[in-house]
N, C-alpha and C. Protein backbone atom coordinates (compact mmCIF):
# COMPACT_ATOMS: atom_id res chain seq x y z
N MET A 1 107.92 91.68 115.31
CA MET A 1 108.62 91.79 114.04
C MET A 1 107.61 91.95 112.96
N ALA A 2 107.83 92.90 112.09
CA ALA A 2 106.87 93.15 111.02
C ALA A 2 107.14 92.16 109.84
N SER A 3 105.93 91.66 109.30
CA SER A 3 106.12 90.68 108.32
C SER A 3 106.93 91.16 107.11
N ALA A 4 106.96 92.43 106.87
CA ALA A 4 107.71 92.97 105.62
C ALA A 4 109.24 92.83 105.93
N CYS A 5 109.63 92.67 107.10
CA CYS A 5 111.03 92.39 107.30
C CYS A 5 111.47 91.02 106.96
N VAL A 6 110.59 90.15 106.94
CA VAL A 6 110.80 88.73 106.62
C VAL A 6 110.56 88.38 105.12
N ARG A 7 109.60 88.88 104.52
CA ARG A 7 109.26 88.58 103.23
C ARG A 7 109.51 89.78 102.34
N GLY A 8 110.24 89.56 101.22
CA GLY A 8 110.44 90.62 100.21
C GLY A 8 109.40 90.75 99.27
N ALA A 9 109.49 91.77 98.54
CA ALA A 9 108.45 92.29 97.44
C ALA A 9 108.17 91.07 96.54
N ASP A 10 109.21 90.19 96.27
CA ASP A 10 109.04 89.02 95.36
C ASP A 10 108.33 87.83 96.01
N GLY A 11 107.81 88.01 97.23
CA GLY A 11 107.13 86.92 97.99
C GLY A 11 108.06 85.74 98.62
N ARG A 12 109.31 86.00 98.41
CA ARG A 12 110.26 85.01 99.05
C ARG A 12 110.94 85.73 100.36
N ALA A 13 111.41 84.85 101.06
CA ALA A 13 112.07 85.37 102.37
C ALA A 13 113.32 86.22 102.08
N ARG A 14 113.46 87.31 102.74
CA ARG A 14 114.64 88.11 102.55
C ARG A 14 115.97 87.29 102.97
N ARG A 15 117.05 87.61 102.20
CA ARG A 15 118.32 86.86 102.58
C ARG A 15 118.61 86.91 104.18
N GLY A 16 118.81 85.88 104.79
CA GLY A 16 119.14 85.75 106.18
C GLY A 16 118.02 85.82 107.10
N ALA A 17 116.86 85.98 106.70
CA ALA A 17 115.69 86.16 107.61
C ALA A 17 115.29 84.81 108.19
N ILE A 18 115.29 83.80 107.48
CA ILE A 18 114.86 82.47 107.95
C ILE A 18 115.94 81.95 109.04
N GLU A 19 117.21 82.19 108.66
CA GLU A 19 118.19 81.62 109.62
C GLU A 19 118.22 82.54 110.83
N TRP A 20 117.96 83.77 110.73
CA TRP A 20 117.97 84.64 111.96
C TRP A 20 116.65 84.17 112.81
N LEU A 21 115.58 84.13 112.24
CA LEU A 21 114.46 83.61 112.94
C LEU A 21 114.67 82.35 113.74
N GLY A 22 115.25 81.34 113.05
CA GLY A 22 115.66 80.07 113.79
C GLY A 22 116.49 80.21 114.95
N ARG A 23 117.46 81.26 114.90
CA ARG A 23 118.33 81.39 116.01
C ARG A 23 117.53 82.36 117.09
N ALA A 24 116.76 83.37 116.56
CA ALA A 24 116.10 84.19 117.54
C ALA A 24 115.12 83.51 118.45
N VAL A 25 114.33 82.54 117.92
CA VAL A 25 113.20 82.03 118.81
C VAL A 25 113.79 81.12 119.95
N GLU A 26 115.09 80.82 119.86
CA GLU A 26 115.72 80.10 120.87
C GLU A 26 116.12 80.99 122.01
N ARG A 27 116.16 82.33 121.84
CA ARG A 27 116.64 83.26 122.78
C ARG A 27 115.71 84.27 123.18
N ILE A 28 114.70 84.72 122.32
CA ILE A 28 113.79 85.70 122.61
C ILE A 28 112.37 85.28 122.20
N ASP A 29 111.32 85.97 122.61
CA ASP A 29 110.02 85.83 122.33
C ASP A 29 109.80 86.63 121.01
N VAL A 30 109.40 85.83 119.92
CA VAL A 30 109.12 86.47 118.66
C VAL A 30 107.75 86.46 118.19
N ALA A 31 107.35 87.65 117.76
CA ALA A 31 105.94 87.66 117.15
C ALA A 31 106.05 88.35 115.80
N VAL A 32 105.31 87.73 114.94
CA VAL A 32 105.23 88.31 113.53
C VAL A 32 103.89 89.01 113.48
N ILE A 33 104.02 90.37 113.16
CA ILE A 33 102.82 91.19 113.10
C ILE A 33 102.51 91.28 111.64
N ILE A 34 101.36 90.86 111.26
CA ILE A 34 100.89 90.78 109.79
C ILE A 34 100.08 92.10 109.52
N PRO A 35 100.48 92.90 108.60
CA PRO A 35 99.59 94.05 108.26
C PRO A 35 98.36 93.75 107.69
N GLY A 36 97.45 94.56 107.82
CA GLY A 36 96.10 94.42 107.23
C GLY A 36 95.12 93.95 108.30
N PRO A 37 93.83 93.87 107.87
CA PRO A 37 92.85 93.31 108.74
C PRO A 37 92.99 91.81 109.05
N PRO A 38 92.73 91.44 110.29
CA PRO A 38 92.74 90.00 110.57
C PRO A 38 91.77 89.18 109.91
N TRP A 39 92.14 87.94 109.55
CA TRP A 39 91.25 86.87 108.98
C TRP A 39 91.52 85.59 109.51
N ALA A 40 90.59 84.69 109.49
CA ALA A 40 90.78 83.42 109.94
C ALA A 40 91.81 82.59 109.10
N GLY A 41 92.72 81.96 109.70
CA GLY A 41 93.67 81.21 109.04
C GLY A 41 94.99 81.97 108.71
N ARG A 42 95.05 83.20 108.94
CA ARG A 42 96.13 83.97 108.65
C ARG A 42 97.51 83.46 109.21
N SER A 43 97.43 83.18 110.60
CA SER A 43 98.71 82.68 111.14
C SER A 43 98.96 81.23 110.60
N VAL A 44 98.07 80.42 110.23
CA VAL A 44 98.36 79.24 109.59
C VAL A 44 98.91 79.25 108.25
N ALA A 45 98.55 80.31 107.51
CA ALA A 45 99.15 80.56 106.21
C ALA A 45 100.53 80.97 106.40
N TRP A 46 100.73 81.97 107.32
CA TRP A 46 102.09 82.51 107.49
C TRP A 46 103.00 81.42 108.05
N ARG A 47 102.61 80.57 108.94
CA ARG A 47 103.44 79.50 109.45
C ARG A 47 103.79 78.48 108.30
N ALA A 48 102.84 78.20 107.40
CA ALA A 48 103.09 77.36 106.36
C ALA A 48 104.20 77.88 105.29
N TRP A 49 104.08 79.31 105.19
CA TRP A 49 105.02 80.01 104.23
C TRP A 49 106.36 79.94 104.87
N LEU A 50 106.50 80.16 106.24
CA LEU A 50 107.81 80.07 106.84
C LEU A 50 108.42 78.63 106.77
N LEU A 51 107.58 77.68 106.89
CA LEU A 51 108.04 76.34 106.73
C LEU A 51 108.48 76.04 105.37
N ASP A 52 107.82 76.53 104.34
CA ASP A 52 108.15 76.34 102.99
C ASP A 52 109.37 77.06 102.63
N GLN A 53 109.76 78.12 103.45
CA GLN A 53 111.07 78.89 103.17
C GLN A 53 112.20 78.25 103.86
N GLY A 54 111.95 77.26 104.65
CA GLY A 54 113.01 76.46 105.30
C GLY A 54 113.10 76.58 106.87
N LEU A 55 112.21 77.38 107.37
CA LEU A 55 112.26 77.41 108.91
C LEU A 55 111.79 76.08 109.44
N SER A 56 112.56 75.61 110.52
CA SER A 56 112.23 74.41 111.20
C SER A 56 110.79 74.44 111.84
N GLU A 57 110.24 73.18 111.96
CA GLU A 57 108.95 72.99 112.67
C GLU A 57 109.03 73.60 114.04
N ARG A 58 110.09 73.22 114.67
CA ARG A 58 110.34 73.63 116.14
C ARG A 58 110.34 75.21 116.20
N ALA A 59 111.15 75.87 115.29
CA ALA A 59 111.21 77.30 115.30
C ALA A 59 109.91 77.96 114.99
N ALA A 60 109.13 77.42 113.99
CA ALA A 60 107.89 77.97 113.59
C ALA A 60 106.88 77.83 114.67
N SER A 61 106.86 76.77 115.56
CA SER A 61 105.90 76.62 116.62
C SER A 61 106.16 77.62 117.79
N ARG A 62 107.36 78.20 117.79
CA ARG A 62 107.64 79.14 118.86
C ARG A 62 107.36 80.58 118.49
N ILE A 63 106.87 80.83 117.29
CA ILE A 63 106.52 82.20 116.84
C ILE A 63 105.04 82.48 117.06
N ARG A 64 104.71 83.67 117.58
CA ARG A 64 103.45 84.04 117.87
C ARG A 64 102.93 84.92 116.76
N PHE A 65 101.66 85.02 116.49
CA PHE A 65 100.96 85.93 115.41
C PHE A 65 99.98 86.60 116.13
N PRO A 66 100.18 87.76 116.77
CA PRO A 66 99.12 88.38 117.64
C PRO A 66 98.34 89.21 116.61
N ALA A 67 97.10 89.45 117.05
CA ALA A 67 96.19 90.21 116.20
C ALA A 67 96.63 91.78 116.36
N HIS A 68 97.18 92.22 117.38
CA HIS A 68 97.54 93.58 117.53
C HIS A 68 99.06 93.66 117.94
N LYS A 69 99.64 94.76 117.74
CA LYS A 69 101.09 94.87 118.02
C LYS A 69 101.18 94.84 119.63
N PRO A 70 101.96 93.92 120.15
CA PRO A 70 102.15 93.70 121.54
C PRO A 70 103.30 94.62 122.08
N PRO A 71 103.31 94.83 123.33
CA PRO A 71 104.44 95.64 123.92
C PRO A 71 105.68 94.87 123.69
N ALA A 72 106.81 95.50 123.41
CA ALA A 72 107.97 94.84 123.02
C ALA A 72 109.20 95.64 123.32
N ASP A 73 110.33 95.03 123.58
CA ASP A 73 111.54 95.78 123.72
C ASP A 73 112.14 96.27 122.43
N VAL A 74 111.82 95.47 121.40
CA VAL A 74 112.48 95.76 120.05
C VAL A 74 111.35 95.32 118.96
N TYR A 75 111.16 96.34 117.96
CA TYR A 75 110.40 96.02 116.85
C TYR A 75 111.23 96.11 115.52
N LEU A 76 111.04 95.26 114.72
CA LEU A 76 111.73 95.30 113.43
C LEU A 76 110.76 95.76 112.42
N HIS A 77 111.09 96.81 111.72
CA HIS A 77 110.07 97.36 110.67
C HIS A 77 110.94 97.98 109.61
N PRO A 78 110.58 97.58 108.33
CA PRO A 78 111.49 98.13 107.21
C PRO A 78 111.42 99.65 107.06
N ARG A 79 110.44 100.37 107.52
CA ARG A 79 110.34 101.78 107.41
C ARG A 79 110.49 102.49 108.73
N ALA A 80 110.95 101.85 109.65
CA ALA A 80 111.01 102.48 110.96
C ALA A 80 112.13 103.47 111.17
N ILE A 81 111.95 104.49 111.88
CA ILE A 81 113.00 105.42 112.31
C ILE A 81 112.86 105.57 113.79
N ARG A 82 113.94 105.27 114.47
CA ARG A 82 113.93 105.23 115.95
C ARG A 82 113.72 106.64 116.55
N PHE A 83 112.71 106.92 117.35
CA PHE A 83 112.54 108.13 117.92
C PHE A 83 113.20 108.16 119.32
N ASP A 84 114.21 109.10 119.41
CA ASP A 84 114.98 109.21 120.65
C ASP A 84 114.56 110.28 121.52
N GLY A 85 113.49 110.95 121.31
CA GLY A 85 112.96 112.01 122.18
C GLY A 85 113.28 113.37 121.56
N PHE A 86 114.08 113.42 120.53
CA PHE A 86 114.32 114.77 119.85
C PHE A 86 113.51 114.90 118.48
N PHE A 87 112.93 115.89 118.37
CA PHE A 87 112.21 116.19 117.04
C PHE A 87 113.30 116.64 116.10
N ARG A 88 113.45 116.01 115.07
CA ARG A 88 114.43 116.34 114.02
C ARG A 88 113.92 117.45 113.11
N ASP A 89 114.76 118.16 112.45
CA ASP A 89 114.37 119.17 111.48
C ASP A 89 113.64 118.40 110.27
N PRO A 90 112.52 118.97 109.90
CA PRO A 90 111.69 118.31 108.89
C PRO A 90 112.44 117.95 107.58
N VAL A 91 113.47 118.85 107.20
CA VAL A 91 114.30 118.57 106.00
C VAL A 91 115.11 117.29 106.30
N ALA A 92 115.69 117.24 107.42
CA ALA A 92 116.62 116.08 107.78
C ALA A 92 115.71 114.71 107.88
N LEU A 93 114.52 114.95 108.38
CA LEU A 93 113.60 113.78 108.53
C LEU A 93 113.24 113.32 107.08
N LEU A 94 112.97 114.16 106.20
CA LEU A 94 112.49 113.77 104.78
C LEU A 94 113.73 113.05 104.09
N ALA A 95 115.01 113.54 104.47
CA ALA A 95 116.18 112.87 103.80
C ALA A 95 116.25 111.49 104.30
N MET A 96 116.07 111.32 105.77
CA MET A 96 116.21 109.92 106.24
C MET A 96 115.11 109.01 105.68
N LEU A 97 113.92 109.59 105.58
CA LEU A 97 112.83 108.73 104.99
C LEU A 97 113.04 108.30 103.61
N ARG A 98 113.65 109.24 102.77
CA ARG A 98 113.95 108.83 101.40
C ARG A 98 115.14 107.83 101.35
N THR A 99 116.00 107.88 102.22
CA THR A 99 117.22 106.91 102.40
C THR A 99 116.59 105.56 102.76
N ALA A 100 115.76 105.58 103.78
CA ALA A 100 115.09 104.43 104.25
C ALA A 100 114.26 103.67 103.03
N GLN A 101 113.72 104.38 102.27
CA GLN A 101 112.73 103.89 101.12
C GLN A 101 113.67 103.33 100.10
N GLY A 102 114.92 103.66 100.01
CA GLY A 102 115.79 103.22 99.06
C GLY A 102 115.57 103.86 97.78
């Protein structure tokens, strides 16, 4: 999961994100991928932020913070467009990107 899916531009958790994480970690392996260069204490700071936003200690302890994007069945990303094997017309792709950016 990309961190931008969890935290909004205002620095607070996006609506429903914390509740979803609490349920998700009980059923699937969750990894929060933090953009930018790695630094010591990064996962500690994110875990503390999640707890501050209302995530339970149990749920927070089940979240991984890998240094690199791991193989996964599903990635959540706020600017992602699923590639299904077909190259879209560039004009249609630009329209999709503009819609995704809001």
